[in-house]
Amino acid sequence: MARDWRCALDTSLHRWPDACRVETATLLQLMAEVDDPALQSHVMRLCIGVANANYQVTEGETMVLSAALDQWSRSGGSFTARAAL
């Protein structure tokens, strides 16, 4: 039984970056649902906090943050990256 747990926790057996890829169109569609600039800023602050929690921003985290900035800055609202910081 203990051996099974060690195998399950052995990160060398998993390719976490490839575990759940979200298509860009889907990600942008999800970001478009958050249309309140104040909520966008709040969500972005939370996302930045989560991404920085381990002092390392991964490729996937960068993709999500970039998609949010792209979607929310061109959505016609008043969202800016500076407002999120």
N, C-alpha and C. Protein backbone atom coordinates (compact mmCIF):
# COMPACT_ATOMS: atom_id res chain seq x y z
N MET A 1 0.82 -1.19 0.00
CA MET A 1 0.00 0.00 0.00
C MET A 1 0.86 1.26 0.00
N ALA A 2 1.88 1.31 0.85
CA ALA A 2 2.74 2.49 0.92
C ALA A 2 3.43 2.74 -0.41
N ARG A 3 3.79 1.67 -1.09
CA ARG A 3 4.45 1.80 -2.38
C ARG A 3 3.52 2.49 -3.39
N ASP A 4 2.24 2.16 -3.35
CA ASP A 4 1.28 2.78 -4.25
C ASP A 4 1.21 4.30 -4.03
N TRP A 5 1.23 4.74 -2.78
CA TRP A 5 1.22 6.16 -2.47
C TRP A 5 2.47 6.85 -2.97
N ARG A 6 3.61 6.20 -2.79
CA ARG A 6 4.87 6.80 -3.28
C ARG A 6 4.81 6.97 -4.79
N CYS A 7 4.27 5.99 -5.49
CA CYS A 7 4.16 6.10 -6.94
C CYS A 7 3.22 7.23 -7.34
N ALA A 8 2.11 7.34 -6.61
CA ALA A 8 1.14 8.40 -6.92
C ALA A 8 1.72 9.78 -6.69
N LEU A 9 2.61 9.90 -5.72
CA LEU A 9 3.18 11.20 -5.38
C LEU A 9 4.47 11.50 -6.13
N ASP A 10 5.00 10.54 -6.84
CA ASP A 10 6.26 10.72 -7.56
C ASP A 10 6.00 11.61 -8.77
N THR A 11 6.41 12.87 -8.68
CA THR A 11 6.12 13.83 -9.75
C THR A 11 6.88 13.52 -11.03
N SER A 12 7.90 12.68 -10.96
CA SER A 12 8.63 12.34 -12.18
C SER A 12 7.76 11.48 -13.10
N LEU A 13 6.69 10.88 -12.56
CA LEU A 13 5.79 10.08 -13.38
C LEU A 13 4.74 10.93 -14.09
N HIS A 14 4.62 12.18 -13.71
CA HIS A 14 3.58 13.06 -14.27
C HIS A 14 4.22 14.19 -15.06
N ARG A 15 3.54 14.58 -16.10
CA ARG A 15 3.93 15.76 -16.87
C ARG A 15 2.88 16.82 -16.58
N TRP A 16 2.99 17.48 -15.41
CA TRP A 16 1.96 18.43 -14.98
C TRP A 16 1.68 19.53 -15.99
N PRO A 17 2.68 20.10 -16.66
CA PRO A 17 2.35 21.16 -17.63
C PRO A 17 1.46 20.68 -18.77
N ASP A 18 1.51 19.38 -19.06
CA ASP A 18 0.70 18.84 -20.15
C ASP A 18 -0.62 18.25 -19.66
N ALA A 19 -0.85 18.26 -18.35
CA ALA A 19 -2.00 17.58 -17.78
C ALA A 19 -3.33 18.20 -18.20
N CYS A 20 -3.38 19.51 -18.34
CA CYS A 20 -4.66 20.17 -18.65
C CYS A 20 -4.41 21.42 -19.47
N ARG A 21 -4.34 21.27 -20.75
CA ARG A 21 -4.17 22.42 -21.63
C ARG A 21 -5.54 22.95 -22.00
N VAL A 22 -5.70 24.26 -21.91
CA VAL A 22 -6.96 24.91 -22.28
C VAL A 22 -6.72 25.66 -23.58
N GLU A 23 -7.59 25.45 -24.54
CA GLU A 23 -7.45 26.13 -25.82
C GLU A 23 -7.59 27.64 -25.62
N THR A 24 -6.87 28.40 -26.41
CA THR A 24 -6.87 29.86 -26.29
C THR A 24 -8.27 30.43 -26.43
N ALA A 25 -9.02 29.94 -27.40
CA ALA A 25 -10.38 30.46 -27.61
C ALA A 25 -11.26 30.22 -26.38
N THR A 26 -11.11 29.07 -25.76
CA THR A 26 -11.89 28.76 -24.56
C THR A 26 -11.49 29.68 -23.41
N LEU A 27 -10.20 29.88 -23.26
CA LEU A 27 -9.70 30.75 -22.20
C LEU A 27 -10.19 32.18 -22.39
N LEU A 28 -10.14 32.69 -23.61
CA LEU A 28 -10.62 34.04 -23.88
C LEU A 28 -12.13 34.15 -23.66
N GLN A 29 -12.86 33.10 -23.99
CA GLN A 29 -14.31 33.11 -23.76
C GLN A 29 -14.62 33.17 -22.27
N LEU A 30 -13.87 32.42 -21.47
CA LEU A 30 -14.06 32.46 -20.02
C LEU A 30 -13.72 33.84 -19.46
N MET A 31 -12.64 34.44 -19.95
CA MET A 31 -12.23 35.76 -19.48
C MET A 31 -13.28 36.81 -19.86
N ALA A 32 -13.94 36.64 -21.01
CA ALA A 32 -14.95 37.61 -21.46
C ALA A 32 -16.16 37.64 -20.53
N GLU A 33 -16.37 36.57 -19.79
CA GLU A 33 -17.51 36.52 -18.86
C GLU A 33 -17.31 37.44 -17.66
N VAL A 34 -16.08 37.81 -17.38
CA VAL A 34 -15.80 38.74 -16.27
C VAL A 34 -15.71 40.13 -16.90
N ASP A 35 -16.83 40.85 -16.86
CA ASP A 35 -16.88 42.12 -17.58
C ASP A 35 -16.87 43.36 -16.69
N ASP A 36 -16.82 43.20 -15.40
CA ASP A 36 -16.75 44.33 -14.47
C ASP A 36 -15.29 44.67 -14.20
N PRO A 37 -14.82 45.88 -14.53
CA PRO A 37 -13.42 46.24 -14.33
C PRO A 37 -12.91 46.05 -12.90
N ALA A 38 -13.76 46.33 -11.91
CA ALA A 38 -13.33 46.14 -10.52
C ALA A 38 -13.11 44.66 -10.23
N LEU A 39 -14.00 43.82 -10.74
CA LEU A 39 -13.86 42.38 -10.55
C LEU A 39 -12.65 41.85 -11.33
N GLN A 40 -12.42 42.39 -12.52
CA GLN A 40 -11.25 42.00 -13.30
C GLN A 40 -9.97 42.28 -12.52
N SER A 41 -9.88 43.45 -11.92
CA SER A 41 -8.70 43.82 -11.13
C SER A 41 -8.54 42.89 -9.94
N HIS A 42 -9.64 42.58 -9.28
CA HIS A 42 -9.61 41.69 -8.12
C HIS A 42 -9.14 40.28 -8.53
N VAL A 43 -9.71 39.76 -9.61
CA VAL A 43 -9.32 38.43 -10.10
C VAL A 43 -7.85 38.43 -10.50
N MET A 44 -7.40 39.49 -11.16
CA MET A 44 -6.00 39.54 -11.59
C MET A 44 -5.07 39.57 -10.38
N ARG A 45 -5.41 40.34 -9.35
CA ARG A 45 -4.58 40.36 -8.13
C ARG A 45 -4.51 38.98 -7.51
N LEU A 46 -5.64 38.29 -7.46
CA LEU A 46 -5.65 36.93 -6.91
C LEU A 46 -4.79 35.99 -7.75
N CYS A 47 -4.92 36.08 -9.07
CA CYS A 47 -4.13 35.21 -9.96
C CYS A 47 -2.64 35.47 -9.82
N ILE A 48 -2.26 36.74 -9.72
CA ILE A 48 -0.85 37.08 -9.55
C ILE A 48 -0.34 36.54 -8.22
N GLY A 49 -1.15 36.65 -7.18
CA GLY A 49 -0.77 36.11 -5.88
C GLY A 49 -0.56 34.61 -5.92
N VAL A 50 -1.46 33.90 -6.58
CA VAL A 50 -1.33 32.45 -6.70
C VAL A 50 -0.09 32.10 -7.51
N ALA A 51 0.10 32.80 -8.63
CA ALA A 51 1.26 32.50 -9.49
C ALA A 51 2.57 32.74 -8.77
N ASN A 52 2.62 33.75 -7.92
CA ASN A 52 3.86 34.09 -7.21
C ASN A 52 4.03 33.33 -5.90
N ALA A 53 3.06 32.54 -5.50
CA ALA A 53 3.10 31.87 -4.20
C ALA A 53 4.33 30.99 -4.03
N ASN A 54 4.79 30.39 -5.11
CA ASN A 54 5.96 29.52 -5.01
C ASN A 54 7.20 30.19 -5.62
N TYR A 55 7.14 31.49 -5.82
CA TYR A 55 8.25 32.28 -6.36
C TYR A 55 8.67 31.82 -7.75
N GLN A 56 7.73 31.26 -8.49
CA GLN A 56 8.03 30.78 -9.83
C GLN A 56 6.75 30.87 -10.65
N VAL A 57 6.79 31.57 -11.76
CA VAL A 57 5.62 31.68 -12.62
C VAL A 57 5.82 30.71 -13.79
N THR A 58 4.91 29.75 -13.90
CA THR A 58 5.04 28.72 -14.94
C THR A 58 4.51 29.21 -16.28
N GLU A 59 4.76 28.42 -17.30
CA GLU A 59 4.29 28.75 -18.64
C GLU A 59 2.76 28.83 -18.67
N GLY A 60 2.10 27.89 -18.01
CA GLY A 60 0.64 27.89 -17.97
C GLY A 60 0.08 29.10 -17.25
N GLU A 61 0.72 29.49 -16.14
CA GLU A 61 0.28 30.68 -15.41
C GLU A 61 0.47 31.93 -16.25
N THR A 62 1.57 31.98 -16.96
CA THR A 62 1.83 33.12 -17.85
C THR A 62 0.78 33.19 -18.94
N MET A 63 0.38 32.04 -19.47
CA MET A 63 -0.63 32.00 -20.52
C MET A 63 -1.97 32.54 -20.01
N VAL A 64 -2.36 32.14 -18.81
CA VAL A 64 -3.64 32.60 -18.24
C VAL A 64 -3.58 34.10 -17.96
N LEU A 65 -2.50 34.57 -17.34
CA LEU A 65 -2.36 35.99 -17.04
C LEU A 65 -2.35 36.82 -18.32
N SER A 66 -1.65 36.36 -19.33
CA SER A 66 -1.59 37.07 -20.61
C SER A 66 -2.95 37.13 -21.28
N ALA A 67 -3.68 36.02 -21.24
CA ALA A 67 -5.02 35.99 -21.84
C ALA A 67 -5.95 36.96 -21.13
N ALA A 68 -5.85 37.01 -19.81
CA ALA A 68 -6.70 37.93 -19.05
C ALA A 68 -6.35 39.38 -19.41
N LEU A 69 -5.07 39.70 -19.41
CA LEU A 69 -4.67 41.07 -19.76
C LEU A 69 -5.11 41.43 -21.17
N ASP A 70 -4.93 40.50 -22.10
CA ASP A 70 -5.31 40.75 -23.49
C ASP A 70 -6.82 40.97 -23.61
N GLN A 71 -7.59 40.06 -23.05
CA GLN A 71 -9.05 40.15 -23.15
C GLN A 71 -9.60 41.39 -22.45
N TRP A 72 -9.15 41.62 -21.24
CA TRP A 72 -9.73 42.69 -20.44
C TRP A 72 -9.25 44.07 -20.88
N SER A 73 -8.07 44.18 -21.44
CA SER A 73 -7.59 45.50 -21.87
C SER A 73 -8.21 45.92 -23.20
N ARG A 74 -8.68 44.98 -23.99
CA ARG A 74 -9.30 45.35 -25.27
C ARG A 74 -10.81 45.17 -25.27
N SER A 75 -11.39 44.91 -24.11
CA SER A 75 -12.83 44.68 -24.02
C SER A 75 -13.63 45.98 -24.01
N GLY A 76 -12.94 47.10 -24.07
CA GLY A 76 -13.65 48.38 -24.08
C GLY A 76 -13.88 48.94 -22.70
N GLY A 77 -13.52 48.16 -21.67
CA GLY A 77 -13.68 48.61 -20.30
C GLY A 77 -12.49 49.46 -19.88
N SER A 78 -12.43 49.77 -18.61
CA SER A 78 -11.36 50.62 -18.11
C SER A 78 -10.27 49.81 -17.42
N PHE A 79 -10.24 48.48 -17.63
CA PHE A 79 -9.24 47.66 -16.99
C PHE A 79 -7.85 47.97 -17.53
N THR A 80 -6.90 48.08 -16.63
CA THR A 80 -5.49 48.21 -17.02
C THR A 80 -4.67 47.32 -16.12
N ALA A 81 -3.50 46.92 -16.59
CA ALA A 81 -2.61 46.10 -15.77
C ALA A 81 -2.24 46.83 -14.50
N ARG A 82 -2.06 48.14 -14.58
CA ARG A 82 -1.70 48.91 -13.39
C ARG A 82 -2.79 48.86 -12.34
N ALA A 83 -4.05 48.83 -12.77
CA ALA A 83 -5.15 48.77 -11.83
C ALA A 83 -5.17 47.47 -11.05
N ALA A 84 -4.60 46.42 -11.62
CA ALA A 84 -4.58 45.12 -10.95
C ALA A 84 -3.47 45.01 -9.92
N LEU A 85 -2.50 45.87 -10.01
CA LEU A 85 -1.36 45.77 -9.09
C LEU A 85 -1.54 46.56 -7.83
